[in-house]
């Protein structure tokens, strides 16, 4: 299903300005103008890009701004695969976030082309709210995660601004999903994910959990 948001993500011009212009502004708006979301994001990036030989999947990777940074921190046989449905975003990723430890693949996040129990980490960061029918994407992220793997999500959450009458309707028309504060963690729990931690910041949420061993 095409929405204004999905068409924007497929626009070649937008894919080039996303990382340096749109993303910082949007991140700031998530925390009502404060740096709280940006600060959390910086710490998360450092954690995800720590040295190691992990196999990482970055779902809806966009122009690869997380994918490339994670790849640069990996060691040994560590690899990260970024998947996205937008060809324009993937072309930008290859141009701006290419790495010997990163690969990019066009794929539908609802039907990830990987076997069960493959990855040491599965991520979907700043993208789930733009995907039509997003909750099955979480199911897929858990399916392809190996036992003991981490599942990490950054997405929207209903907050003071999105609760203003009319804001939610406007977001839905534009193809932007505002998740209830329990939707993501409930879906992960239904998939058996344990140790789920949620940090709510403004209009966003960071959620980390682990697949049972």
N, C-alpha and C. Protein backbone atom coordinates (compact mmCIF):
# COMPACT_ATOMS: atom_id res chain seq x y z
N UNK A 1 0.84 -1.19 0.00
CA UNK A 1 0.00 0.00 0.00
C UNK A 1 0.88 1.25 0.00
N UNK A 2 0.65 2.12 -0.97
CA UNK A 2 1.44 3.34 -1.07
C UNK A 2 0.82 4.44 -0.21
N UNK A 3 1.66 5.15 0.53
CA UNK A 3 1.23 6.28 1.34
C UNK A 3 2.13 7.47 1.01
N UNK A 4 1.72 8.69 1.39
CA UNK A 4 2.63 9.82 1.16
C UNK A 4 4.01 9.59 1.79
N UNK A 5 4.05 8.98 2.97
CA UNK A 5 5.34 8.73 3.63
C UNK A 5 6.18 7.74 2.84
N UNK A 6 5.56 6.66 2.36
CA UNK A 6 6.33 5.66 1.61
C UNK A 6 6.81 6.22 0.28
N UNK A 7 6.00 7.06 -0.35
CA UNK A 7 6.44 7.68 -1.60
C UNK A 7 7.61 8.63 -1.36
N UNK A 8 7.58 9.32 -0.22
CA UNK A 8 8.69 10.21 0.12
C UNK A 8 9.97 9.41 0.31
N UNK A 9 9.89 8.26 0.97
CA UNK A 9 11.07 7.43 1.19
C UNK A 9 11.64 6.89 -0.11
N UNK A 10 10.80 6.78 -1.12
CA UNK A 10 11.25 6.29 -2.41
C UNK A 10 11.77 7.37 -3.34
N UNK A 11 11.73 8.62 -2.87
CA UNK A 11 12.17 9.74 -3.70
C UNK A 11 13.69 9.87 -3.66
N UNK A 12 14.36 9.86 -4.82
CA UNK A 12 15.84 9.93 -4.82
C UNK A 12 16.39 11.18 -4.14
N UNK A 13 15.75 12.33 -4.32
CA UNK A 13 16.23 13.55 -3.69
C UNK A 13 16.13 13.44 -2.18
N UNK A 14 14.99 12.94 -1.67
CA UNK A 14 14.82 12.82 -0.23
C UNK A 14 15.83 11.86 0.36
N UNK A 15 16.15 10.79 -0.36
CA UNK A 15 17.12 9.83 0.17
C UNK A 15 18.48 10.47 0.38
N UNK A 16 18.79 11.53 -0.37
CA UNK A 16 20.10 12.18 -0.24
C UNK A 16 20.13 13.18 0.91
N UNK A 17 18.98 13.81 1.23
CA UNK A 17 18.96 14.79 2.31
C UNK A 17 18.54 14.17 3.65
N UNK A 18 18.08 12.92 3.62
CA UNK A 18 17.53 12.29 4.82
C UNK A 18 18.51 12.30 5.98
N UNK A 19 19.74 11.86 5.73
CA UNK A 19 20.68 11.64 6.82
C UNK A 19 21.16 12.93 7.47
N UNK A 20 21.48 13.93 6.66
CA UNK A 20 22.11 15.14 7.20
C UNK A 20 21.14 16.26 7.53
N UNK A 21 19.95 16.24 6.94
CA UNK A 21 19.00 17.35 7.15
C UNK A 21 17.73 16.86 7.86
N UNK A 22 17.01 15.94 7.23
CA UNK A 22 15.73 15.51 7.77
C UNK A 22 15.87 14.79 9.10
N UNK A 23 16.78 13.85 9.16
CA UNK A 23 16.92 13.01 10.35
C UNK A 23 17.22 13.82 11.62
N UNK A 24 18.19 14.76 11.62
CA UNK A 24 18.43 15.53 12.84
C UNK A 24 17.23 16.36 13.29
N UNK A 25 16.53 16.96 12.32
CA UNK A 25 15.35 17.78 12.66
C UNK A 25 14.25 16.90 13.24
N UNK A 26 14.01 15.75 12.60
CA UNK A 26 12.95 14.85 13.04
C UNK A 26 13.26 14.29 14.43
N UNK A 27 14.52 13.93 14.66
CA UNK A 27 14.92 13.40 15.96
C UNK A 27 14.69 14.43 17.06
N UNK A 28 15.01 15.67 16.77
CA UNK A 28 14.80 16.75 17.75
C UNK A 28 13.30 16.90 18.06
N UNK A 29 12.48 16.81 17.02
CA UNK A 29 11.03 16.96 17.22
C UNK A 29 10.47 15.84 18.09
N UNK A 30 11.04 14.64 17.98
CA UNK A 30 10.57 13.52 18.78
C UNK A 30 10.64 13.82 20.27
N UNK A 31 11.65 14.55 20.68
CA UNK A 31 11.81 14.85 22.11
C UNK A 31 11.41 16.30 22.43
N UNK A 32 10.46 16.82 21.65
CA UNK A 32 9.88 18.14 21.91
C UNK A 32 10.94 19.24 21.93
N UNK A 33 11.93 19.12 21.06
CA UNK A 33 12.95 20.16 20.94
C UNK A 33 14.16 19.98 21.82
N UNK A 34 14.12 19.01 22.74
CA UNK A 34 15.29 18.77 23.59
C UNK A 34 16.27 17.85 22.87
N UNK A 35 17.40 17.59 23.49
CA UNK A 35 18.40 16.69 22.90
C UNK A 35 18.29 15.27 23.46
N UNK A 36 17.23 14.98 24.19
CA UNK A 36 17.14 13.71 24.89
C UNK A 36 17.15 12.52 23.92
N UNK A 37 16.37 12.61 22.84
CA UNK A 37 16.37 11.53 21.86
C UNK A 37 17.72 11.40 21.18
N UNK A 38 18.31 12.52 20.80
CA UNK A 38 19.62 12.50 20.16
C UNK A 38 20.68 11.91 21.09
N UNK A 39 20.59 12.23 22.38
CA UNK A 39 21.56 11.71 23.34
C UNK A 39 21.42 10.19 23.49
N UNK A 40 20.19 9.73 23.56
CA UNK A 40 19.96 8.28 23.67
C UNK A 40 20.43 7.59 22.39
N UNK A 41 20.14 8.21 21.27
CA UNK A 41 20.53 7.65 19.99
C UNK A 41 22.05 7.53 19.88
N UNK A 42 22.76 8.53 20.36
CA UNK A 42 24.22 8.49 20.32
C UNK A 42 24.75 7.33 21.16
N UNK A 43 24.18 7.14 22.34
CA UNK A 43 24.61 6.03 23.20
C UNK A 43 24.27 4.69 22.56
N UNK A 44 23.10 4.60 21.92
CA UNK A 44 22.71 3.36 21.27
C UNK A 44 23.64 3.03 20.10
N UNK A 45 23.99 4.03 19.32
CA UNK A 45 24.92 3.81 18.21
C UNK A 45 26.26 3.27 18.71
N UNK A 46 26.75 3.85 19.80
CA UNK A 46 28.02 3.38 20.35
C UNK A 46 27.90 1.92 20.80
N UNK A 47 26.78 1.57 21.40
CA UNK A 47 26.57 0.19 21.84
C UNK A 47 26.49 -0.76 20.65
N UNK A 48 25.74 -0.38 19.62
CA UNK A 48 25.54 -1.27 18.48
C UNK A 48 26.80 -1.43 17.65
N UNK A 49 27.69 -0.44 17.69
CA UNK A 49 28.90 -0.49 16.87
C UNK A 49 30.12 -0.95 17.68
N UNK A 50 29.89 -1.51 18.86
CA UNK A 50 31.01 -2.01 19.67
C UNK A 50 31.71 -3.16 18.92
N UNK A 51 32.99 -3.38 19.18
CA UNK A 51 33.72 -4.45 18.49
C UNK A 51 33.09 -5.82 18.76
N UNK A 52 33.15 -6.68 17.76
CA UNK A 52 32.63 -8.03 17.92
C UNK A 52 32.41 -8.68 16.57
N UNK A 53 32.12 -9.98 16.58
CA UNK A 53 31.92 -10.74 15.35
C UNK A 53 30.45 -11.07 15.12
N UNK A 54 29.57 -10.15 15.50
CA UNK A 54 28.15 -10.40 15.38
C UNK A 54 27.68 -10.37 13.92
N UNK A 55 26.58 -11.08 13.67
CA UNK A 55 25.85 -10.96 12.40
C UNK A 55 24.59 -10.15 12.70
N UNK A 56 24.49 -8.99 12.07
CA UNK A 56 23.46 -8.00 12.41
C UNK A 56 22.56 -7.77 11.21
N UNK A 57 21.26 -7.64 11.45
CA UNK A 57 20.29 -7.29 10.42
C UNK A 57 19.67 -5.95 10.75
N UNK A 58 19.80 -4.99 9.84
CA UNK A 58 19.22 -3.65 9.99
C UNK A 58 18.02 -3.55 9.06
N UNK A 59 16.82 -3.68 9.63
CA UNK A 59 15.57 -3.71 8.86
C UNK A 59 15.12 -2.29 8.55
N UNK A 60 14.74 -2.05 7.30
CA UNK A 60 14.36 -0.71 6.83
C UNK A 60 15.50 0.26 7.10
N UNK A 61 16.65 -0.09 6.55
CA UNK A 61 17.90 0.62 6.87
C UNK A 61 17.99 2.01 6.25
N UNK A 62 17.11 2.34 5.29
CA UNK A 62 17.18 3.64 4.65
C UNK A 62 18.53 3.86 3.98
N UNK A 63 19.14 5.03 4.15
CA UNK A 63 20.42 5.30 3.51
C UNK A 63 21.62 4.71 4.25
N UNK A 64 21.36 3.83 5.22
CA UNK A 64 22.45 3.11 5.87
C UNK A 64 23.19 3.88 6.93
N UNK A 65 22.54 4.90 7.53
CA UNK A 65 23.27 5.70 8.51
C UNK A 65 23.60 4.91 9.78
N UNK A 66 22.77 3.94 10.16
CA UNK A 66 23.15 3.02 11.24
C UNK A 66 24.01 1.88 10.70
N UNK A 67 23.63 1.35 9.56
CA UNK A 67 24.30 0.17 9.01
C UNK A 67 25.80 0.38 8.86
N UNK A 68 26.17 1.50 8.26
CA UNK A 68 27.58 1.78 8.03
C UNK A 68 28.36 1.94 9.31
N UNK A 69 27.77 2.62 10.29
CA UNK A 69 28.47 2.82 11.56
C UNK A 69 28.64 1.51 12.31
N UNK A 70 27.61 0.67 12.29
CA UNK A 70 27.72 -0.64 12.94
C UNK A 70 28.82 -1.46 12.27
N UNK A 71 28.84 -1.44 10.93
CA UNK A 71 29.84 -2.22 10.18
C UNK A 71 31.26 -1.80 10.54
N UNK A 72 31.46 -0.51 10.73
CA UNK A 72 32.81 -0.01 11.04
C UNK A 72 33.32 -0.49 12.39
N UNK A 73 32.41 -0.87 13.29
CA UNK A 73 32.84 -1.33 14.60
C UNK A 73 33.05 -2.83 14.70
N UNK A 74 32.51 -3.58 13.74
CA UNK A 74 32.59 -5.04 13.81
C UNK A 74 34.01 -5.54 13.54
N UNK A 75 34.29 -6.71 14.04
CA UNK A 75 35.62 -7.31 13.88
C UNK A 75 35.47 -8.74 13.38
N UNK A 76 36.61 -9.34 13.01
CA UNK A 76 36.61 -10.74 12.59
C UNK A 76 35.63 -10.99 11.47
N UNK A 77 34.74 -11.96 11.69
CA UNK A 77 33.74 -12.31 10.68
C UNK A 77 32.44 -11.53 10.85
N UNK A 78 32.45 -10.48 11.67
CA UNK A 78 31.25 -9.68 11.88
C UNK A 78 30.76 -9.03 10.59
N UNK A 79 29.45 -9.07 10.39
CA UNK A 79 28.85 -8.50 9.19
C UNK A 79 27.50 -7.89 9.56
N UNK A 80 27.06 -6.90 8.80
CA UNK A 80 25.73 -6.32 8.95
C UNK A 80 25.07 -6.25 7.58
N UNK A 81 23.81 -6.64 7.53
CA UNK A 81 23.02 -6.57 6.30
C UNK A 81 21.92 -5.55 6.50
N UNK A 82 21.86 -4.57 5.63
CA UNK A 82 20.79 -3.59 5.65
C UNK A 82 19.77 -3.92 4.57
N UNK A 83 18.51 -4.02 4.95
CA UNK A 83 17.45 -4.29 3.98
C UNK A 83 16.49 -3.11 3.95
N UNK A 84 16.01 -2.79 2.76
CA UNK A 84 15.04 -1.72 2.61
C UNK A 84 14.24 -1.99 1.34
N UNK A 85 13.01 -1.47 1.31
CA UNK A 85 12.17 -1.65 0.13
C UNK A 85 12.40 -0.56 -0.91
N UNK A 86 13.04 0.53 -0.50
CA UNK A 86 13.25 1.67 -1.39
C UNK A 86 14.58 1.54 -2.13
N UNK A 87 14.51 1.44 -3.44
CA UNK A 87 15.73 1.38 -4.25
C UNK A 87 16.53 2.66 -4.13
N UNK A 88 15.83 3.80 -4.02
CA UNK A 88 16.53 5.08 -3.89
C UNK A 88 17.34 5.14 -2.61
N UNK A 89 16.76 4.67 -1.51
CA UNK A 89 17.49 4.66 -0.24
C UNK A 89 18.71 3.75 -0.32
N UNK A 90 18.57 2.61 -0.97
CA UNK A 90 19.68 1.67 -1.05
C UNK A 90 20.81 2.22 -1.93
N UNK A 91 20.44 2.92 -2.99
CA UNK A 91 21.49 3.54 -3.81
C UNK A 91 22.27 4.57 -3.01
N UNK A 92 21.56 5.34 -2.19
CA UNK A 92 22.23 6.32 -1.33
C UNK A 92 23.10 5.61 -0.29
N UNK A 93 22.61 4.50 0.26
CA UNK A 93 23.39 3.73 1.23
C UNK A 93 24.70 3.25 0.62
N UNK A 94 24.63 2.75 -0.59
CA UNK A 94 25.84 2.26 -1.26
C UNK A 94 26.81 3.40 -1.58
N UNK A 95 26.26 4.59 -1.82
CA UNK A 95 27.11 5.74 -2.15
C UNK A 95 27.73 6.37 -0.91
N UNK A 96 27.02 6.33 0.23
CA UNK A 96 27.47 7.11 1.39
C UNK A 96 27.85 6.26 2.59
N UNK A 97 27.41 5.02 2.64
CA UNK A 97 27.69 4.19 3.82
C UNK A 97 28.17 2.80 3.41
N UNK A 98 28.99 2.77 2.40
CA UNK A 98 29.58 1.51 1.95
C UNK A 98 30.66 1.07 2.94
N UNK A 99 30.74 -0.22 3.18
CA UNK A 99 31.75 -0.77 4.08
C UNK A 99 32.03 -2.21 3.68
N UNK A 100 33.26 -2.69 3.87
CA UNK A 100 33.55 -4.09 3.56
C UNK A 100 32.75 -5.07 4.41
N UNK A 101 32.27 -4.62 5.54
CA UNK A 101 31.49 -5.51 6.42
C UNK A 101 29.98 -5.26 6.31
N UNK A 102 29.55 -4.46 5.34
CA UNK A 102 28.13 -4.16 5.17
C UNK A 102 27.66 -4.61 3.79
N UNK A 103 26.46 -5.16 3.74
CA UNK A 103 25.81 -5.50 2.48
C UNK A 103 24.40 -4.93 2.52
N UNK A 104 23.90 -4.55 1.35
CA UNK A 104 22.57 -3.97 1.26
C UNK A 104 21.71 -4.80 0.31
N UNK A 105 20.45 -4.96 0.68
CA UNK A 105 19.56 -5.83 -0.06
C UNK A 105 18.16 -5.23 -0.11
N UNK A 106 17.55 -5.23 -1.29
CA UNK A 106 16.16 -4.78 -1.40
C UNK A 106 15.25 -5.94 -1.02
N UNK A 107 14.40 -5.71 -0.04
CA UNK A 107 13.53 -6.78 0.44
C UNK A 107 12.33 -6.18 1.15
N UNK A 108 11.26 -6.96 1.21
CA UNK A 108 10.05 -6.61 1.95
C UNK A 108 10.23 -7.04 3.39
N UNK A 109 10.14 -6.11 4.32
CA UNK A 109 10.36 -6.42 5.73
C UNK A 109 9.30 -7.37 6.29
N UNK A 110 8.17 -7.51 5.60
CA UNK A 110 7.14 -8.44 6.05
C UNK A 110 7.49 -9.89 5.74
N UNK A 111 8.42 -10.09 4.79
CA UNK A 111 8.82 -11.44 4.38
C UNK A 111 10.34 -11.42 4.21
N UNK A 112 11.07 -11.41 5.29
CA UNK A 112 12.52 -11.29 5.22
C UNK A 112 13.12 -12.56 4.60
N UNK A 113 14.02 -12.39 3.65
CA UNK A 113 14.54 -13.54 2.89
C UNK A 113 15.70 -14.25 3.59
N UNK A 114 15.50 -14.60 4.86
CA UNK A 114 16.54 -15.26 5.64
C UNK A 114 15.93 -16.41 6.43
N UNK A 115 16.73 -17.44 6.71
CA UNK A 115 16.22 -18.56 7.51
C UNK A 115 15.95 -18.15 8.96
N UNK A 116 15.20 -18.96 9.64
CA UNK A 116 14.99 -18.78 11.08
C UNK A 116 16.34 -18.81 11.81
N UNK A 117 16.40 -18.08 12.93
CA UNK A 117 17.53 -18.20 13.87
C UNK A 117 18.88 -17.87 13.23
N UNK A 118 18.95 -16.77 12.49
CA UNK A 118 20.16 -16.44 11.73
C UNK A 118 21.02 -15.37 12.40
N UNK A 119 20.41 -14.29 12.93
CA UNK A 119 21.16 -13.10 13.29
C UNK A 119 21.36 -12.96 14.80
N UNK A 120 22.50 -12.36 15.17
CA UNK A 120 22.79 -12.09 16.57
C UNK A 120 22.10 -10.82 17.08
N UNK A 121 21.75 -9.94 16.16
CA UNK A 121 20.98 -8.74 16.47
C UNK A 121 20.06 -8.44 15.30
N UNK A 122 18.81 -8.08 15.58
CA UNK A 122 17.92 -7.57 14.55
C UNK A 122 17.43 -6.20 15.00
N UNK A 123 17.52 -5.23 14.12
CA UNK A 123 17.23 -3.84 14.44
C UNK A 123 16.20 -3.27 13.49
N UNK A 124 15.38 -2.37 13.99
CA UNK A 124 14.54 -1.53 13.14
C UNK A 124 14.48 -0.17 13.82
N UNK A 125 15.22 0.78 13.27
CA UNK A 125 15.46 2.05 13.95
C UNK A 125 14.94 3.22 13.11
N UNK A 126 13.99 3.95 13.69
CA UNK A 126 13.41 5.13 13.03
C UNK A 126 12.81 4.79 11.69
N UNK A 127 12.06 3.70 11.63
CA UNK A 127 11.47 3.29 10.35
C UNK A 127 10.13 2.58 10.51
N UNK A 128 9.90 1.88 11.62
CA UNK A 128 8.72 1.04 11.74
C UNK A 128 7.43 1.84 11.58
N UNK A 129 7.45 3.10 12.00
CA UNK A 129 6.24 3.93 11.93
C UNK A 129 5.86 4.31 10.50
N UNK A 130 6.74 4.05 9.53
CA UNK A 130 6.47 4.37 8.13
C UNK A 130 6.05 3.15 7.32
N UNK A 131 6.14 1.96 7.90
CA UNK A 131 5.85 0.73 7.18
C UNK A 131 4.37 0.38 7.30
N UNK A 132 3.66 0.21 6.19
CA UNK A 132 2.27 -0.23 6.28
C UNK A 132 2.19 -1.60 6.95
N UNK A 133 1.19 -1.80 7.80
CA UNK A 133 1.01 -3.05 8.55
C UNK A 133 2.30 -3.43 9.26
N UNK A 134 2.76 -2.61 10.20
CA UNK A 134 4.10 -2.77 10.75
C UNK A 134 4.30 -3.90 11.74
N UNK A 135 3.28 -4.31 12.48
CA UNK A 135 3.50 -5.28 13.56
C UNK A 135 4.01 -6.64 13.07
N UNK A 136 3.57 -7.14 11.91
CA UNK A 136 4.17 -8.38 11.41
C UNK A 136 5.67 -8.28 11.13
N UNK A 137 6.17 -7.07 10.94
CA UNK A 137 7.61 -6.90 10.76
C UNK A 137 8.35 -7.31 12.03
N UNK A 138 7.78 -7.00 13.19
CA UNK A 138 8.37 -7.43 14.46
C UNK A 138 8.43 -8.96 14.54
N UNK A 139 7.36 -9.61 14.07
CA UNK A 139 7.34 -11.07 14.06
C UNK A 139 8.51 -11.61 13.25
N UNK A 140 8.75 -11.01 12.08
CA UNK A 140 9.84 -11.45 11.22
C UNK A 140 11.20 -11.20 11.86
N UNK A 141 11.33 -10.05 12.53
CA UNK A 141 12.60 -9.75 13.20
C UNK A 141 12.92 -10.79 14.27
N UNK A 142 11.90 -11.24 14.98
CA UNK A 142 12.11 -12.28 16.00
C UNK A 142 12.39 -13.62 15.33
N UNK A 143 11.69 -13.92 14.26
CA UNK A 143 11.88 -15.20 13.57
C UNK A 143 13.32 -15.40 13.11
N UNK A 144 13.91 -14.36 12.51
CA UNK A 144 15.26 -14.51 11.96
C UNK A 144 16.34 -14.29 13.01
N UNK A 145 15.96 -13.87 14.20
CA UNK A 145 16.93 -13.70 15.29
C UNK A 145 17.30 -15.07 15.85
N UNK A 146 18.59 -15.24 16.13
CA UNK A 146 19.07 -16.50 16.71
C UNK A 146 18.69 -16.56 18.20
N UNK A 147 18.65 -17.74 18.79
CA UNK A 147 18.42 -17.82 20.23
C UNK A 147 19.43 -16.98 21.00
N UNK A 148 18.91 -16.17 21.93
CA UNK A 148 19.76 -15.27 22.70
C UNK A 148 20.03 -13.95 22.02
N UNK A 149 19.55 -13.76 20.78
CA UNK A 149 19.82 -12.53 20.03
C UNK A 149 19.07 -11.34 20.61
N UNK A 150 19.61 -10.16 20.33
CA UNK A 150 18.96 -8.91 20.73
C UNK A 150 18.03 -8.43 19.63
N UNK A 151 16.89 -7.89 20.05
CA UNK A 151 15.96 -7.22 19.14
C UNK A 151 15.87 -5.78 19.62
N UNK A 152 16.13 -4.83 18.72
CA UNK A 152 16.19 -3.41 19.09
C UNK A 152 15.29 -2.61 18.16
N UNK A 153 14.44 -1.79 18.74
CA UNK A 153 13.49 -0.98 17.95
C UNK A 153 13.50 0.45 18.46
N UNK A 154 13.54 1.41 17.55
CA UNK A 154 13.25 2.79 17.87
C UNK A 154 12.10 3.23 16.97
N UNK A 155 11.01 3.67 17.58
CA UNK A 155 9.85 4.07 16.79
C UNK A 155 9.02 5.08 17.58
N UNK A 156 7.88 5.41 17.05
CA UNK A 156 7.00 6.41 17.67
C UNK A 156 6.28 5.82 18.88
N UNK A 157 5.76 6.71 19.71
CA UNK A 157 4.91 6.32 20.84
C UNK A 157 3.97 7.48 21.13
N UNK A 158 2.75 7.15 21.47
CA UNK A 158 1.78 8.20 21.77
C UNK A 158 2.27 9.05 22.93
N UNK A 159 2.32 10.35 22.71
CA UNK A 159 2.78 11.28 23.72
C UNK A 159 1.89 12.52 23.75
N UNK A 160 2.31 13.56 24.43
CA UNK A 160 1.47 14.76 24.58
C UNK A 160 1.08 15.40 23.24
N UNK A 161 2.00 15.47 22.30
CA UNK A 161 1.69 16.11 21.02
C UNK A 161 0.76 15.25 20.18
N UNK A 162 1.08 13.97 20.06
CA UNK A 162 0.27 13.08 19.22
C UNK A 162 -1.11 12.84 19.81
N UNK A 163 -1.31 13.19 21.08
CA UNK A 163 -2.62 13.04 21.72
C UNK A 163 -3.53 14.24 21.47
N UNK A 164 -2.99 15.31 20.90
CA UNK A 164 -3.81 16.48 20.57
C UNK A 164 -4.83 16.08 19.50
N UNK A 165 -6.11 16.43 19.67
CA UNK A 165 -7.12 16.07 18.68
C UNK A 165 -6.72 16.51 17.27
N UNK A 166 -6.82 15.58 16.35
CA UNK A 166 -6.51 15.87 14.95
C UNK A 166 -5.11 15.47 14.53
N UNK A 167 -4.17 15.44 15.48
CA UNK A 167 -2.79 15.11 15.13
C UNK A 167 -2.68 13.66 14.67
N UNK A 168 -3.32 12.76 15.40
CA UNK A 168 -3.28 11.35 15.02
C UNK A 168 -3.88 11.10 13.66
N UNK A 169 -5.00 11.76 13.38
CA UNK A 169 -5.66 11.61 12.07
C UNK A 169 -4.75 12.12 10.96
N UNK A 170 -4.14 13.26 11.17
CA UNK A 170 -3.22 13.83 10.19
C UNK A 170 -2.06 12.87 9.93
N UNK A 171 -1.53 12.27 10.99
CA UNK A 171 -0.42 11.33 10.85
C UNK A 171 -0.84 10.10 10.05
N UNK A 172 -2.03 9.57 10.34
CA UNK A 172 -2.50 8.38 9.62
C UNK A 172 -2.69 8.67 8.14
N UNK A 173 -3.23 9.82 7.83
CA UNK A 173 -3.43 10.19 6.41
C UNK A 173 -2.08 10.24 5.69
N UNK A 174 -1.07 10.72 6.39
CA UNK A 174 0.26 10.83 5.78
C UNK A 174 1.03 9.51 5.76
N UNK A 175 0.49 8.48 6.40
CA UNK A 175 1.17 7.19 6.42
C UNK A 175 2.13 7.04 7.57
N UNK A 176 1.96 7.84 8.62
CA UNK A 176 2.83 7.78 9.80
C UNK A 176 2.07 7.13 10.94
N UNK A 177 2.57 6.03 11.46
CA UNK A 177 1.89 5.28 12.52
C UNK A 177 2.37 5.76 13.89
N UNK A 178 1.43 6.15 14.72
CA UNK A 178 1.74 6.48 16.11
C UNK A 178 1.34 5.29 16.96
N UNK A 179 2.32 4.61 17.53
CA UNK A 179 2.05 3.40 18.30
C UNK A 179 1.60 3.73 19.71
N UNK A 180 0.67 2.96 20.22
CA UNK A 180 0.34 3.04 21.62
C UNK A 180 1.54 2.62 22.45
N UNK A 181 1.60 3.09 23.68
CA UNK A 181 2.81 2.84 24.48
C UNK A 181 3.03 1.35 24.78
N UNK A 182 2.00 0.53 24.64
CA UNK A 182 2.15 -0.90 24.93
C UNK A 182 2.20 -1.77 23.68
N UNK A 183 1.95 -1.21 22.50
CA UNK A 183 1.82 -2.03 21.29
C UNK A 183 3.09 -2.82 20.97
N UNK A 184 4.22 -2.16 20.99
CA UNK A 184 5.46 -2.82 20.59
C UNK A 184 5.87 -3.88 21.60
N UNK A 185 5.85 -3.51 22.89
CA UNK A 185 6.29 -4.48 23.89
C UNK A 185 5.31 -5.66 23.98
N UNK A 186 4.02 -5.40 23.78
CA UNK A 186 3.06 -6.50 23.80
C UNK A 186 3.32 -7.47 22.65
N UNK A 187 3.62 -6.93 21.47
CA UNK A 187 3.88 -7.80 20.31
C UNK A 187 5.15 -8.63 20.52
N UNK A 188 6.16 -8.01 21.07
CA UNK A 188 7.39 -8.75 21.34
C UNK A 188 7.16 -9.85 22.38
N UNK A 189 6.39 -9.52 23.42
CA UNK A 189 6.08 -10.54 24.42
C UNK A 189 5.31 -11.71 23.81
N UNK A 190 4.40 -11.41 22.88
CA UNK A 190 3.65 -12.48 22.21
C UNK A 190 4.57 -13.40 21.43
N UNK A 191 5.70 -12.86 20.98
CA UNK A 191 6.68 -13.65 20.24
C UNK A 191 7.70 -14.32 21.16
N UNK A 192 7.50 -14.20 22.46
CA UNK A 192 8.37 -14.86 23.41
C UNK A 192 9.62 -14.09 23.76
N UNK A 193 9.73 -12.84 23.32
CA UNK A 193 10.92 -12.04 23.62
C UNK A 193 10.95 -11.74 25.11
N UNK A 194 12.13 -11.86 25.71
CA UNK A 194 12.28 -11.68 27.16
C UNK A 194 13.09 -10.43 27.46
N UNK A 195 13.07 -10.07 28.74
CA UNK A 195 13.88 -8.95 29.23
C UNK A 195 13.62 -7.68 28.40
N UNK A 196 12.38 -7.43 28.11
CA UNK A 196 12.03 -6.27 27.27
C UNK A 196 12.13 -4.99 28.10
N UNK A 197 12.93 -4.06 27.61
CA UNK A 197 13.09 -2.77 28.26
C UNK A 197 12.60 -1.67 27.31
N UNK A 198 11.80 -0.77 27.83
CA UNK A 198 11.25 0.32 27.03
C UNK A 198 11.61 1.66 27.65
N UNK A 199 12.15 2.56 26.82
CA UNK A 199 12.43 3.93 27.25
C UNK A 199 11.58 4.87 26.42
N UNK A 200 10.65 5.55 27.08
CA UNK A 200 9.77 6.50 26.40
C UNK A 200 10.38 7.90 26.50
N UNK A 201 10.54 8.54 25.34
CA UNK A 201 11.11 9.89 25.29
C UNK A 201 10.24 10.73 24.36
N UNK A 202 9.51 11.67 24.92
CA UNK A 202 8.67 12.53 24.10
C UNK A 202 7.65 11.74 23.31
N UNK A 203 7.78 11.76 21.99
CA UNK A 203 6.85 11.05 21.11
C UNK A 203 7.47 9.76 20.57
N UNK A 204 8.54 9.30 21.21
CA UNK A 204 9.23 8.12 20.71
C UNK A 204 9.51 7.10 21.79
N UNK A 205 9.96 5.94 21.37
CA UNK A 205 10.30 4.87 22.30
C UNK A 205 11.46 4.04 21.76
N UNK A 206 12.36 3.68 22.68
CA UNK A 206 13.41 2.72 22.40
C UNK A 206 13.05 1.44 23.14
N UNK A 207 13.08 0.33 22.42
CA UNK A 207 12.71 -0.97 23.01
C UNK A 207 13.80 -1.98 22.71
N UNK A 208 14.30 -2.64 23.75
CA UNK A 208 15.32 -3.67 23.61
C UNK A 208 14.84 -4.92 24.32
N UNK A 209 15.04 -6.06 23.67
CA UNK A 209 14.69 -7.34 24.26
C UNK A 209 15.61 -8.43 23.73
N UNK A 210 15.41 -9.65 24.20
CA UNK A 210 16.23 -10.77 23.75
C UNK A 210 15.35 -11.99 23.47
N UNK A 211 15.74 -12.72 22.43
CA UNK A 211 15.04 -13.95 22.09
C UNK A 211 15.48 -15.06 23.04
N UNK A 212 14.57 -15.88 23.50
CA UNK A 212 14.95 -16.95 24.44
C UNK A 212 16.03 -17.86 23.85
N UNK A 213 16.94 -18.34 24.70
CA UNK A 213 17.97 -19.30 24.28
C UNK A 213 17.33 -20.62 23.88
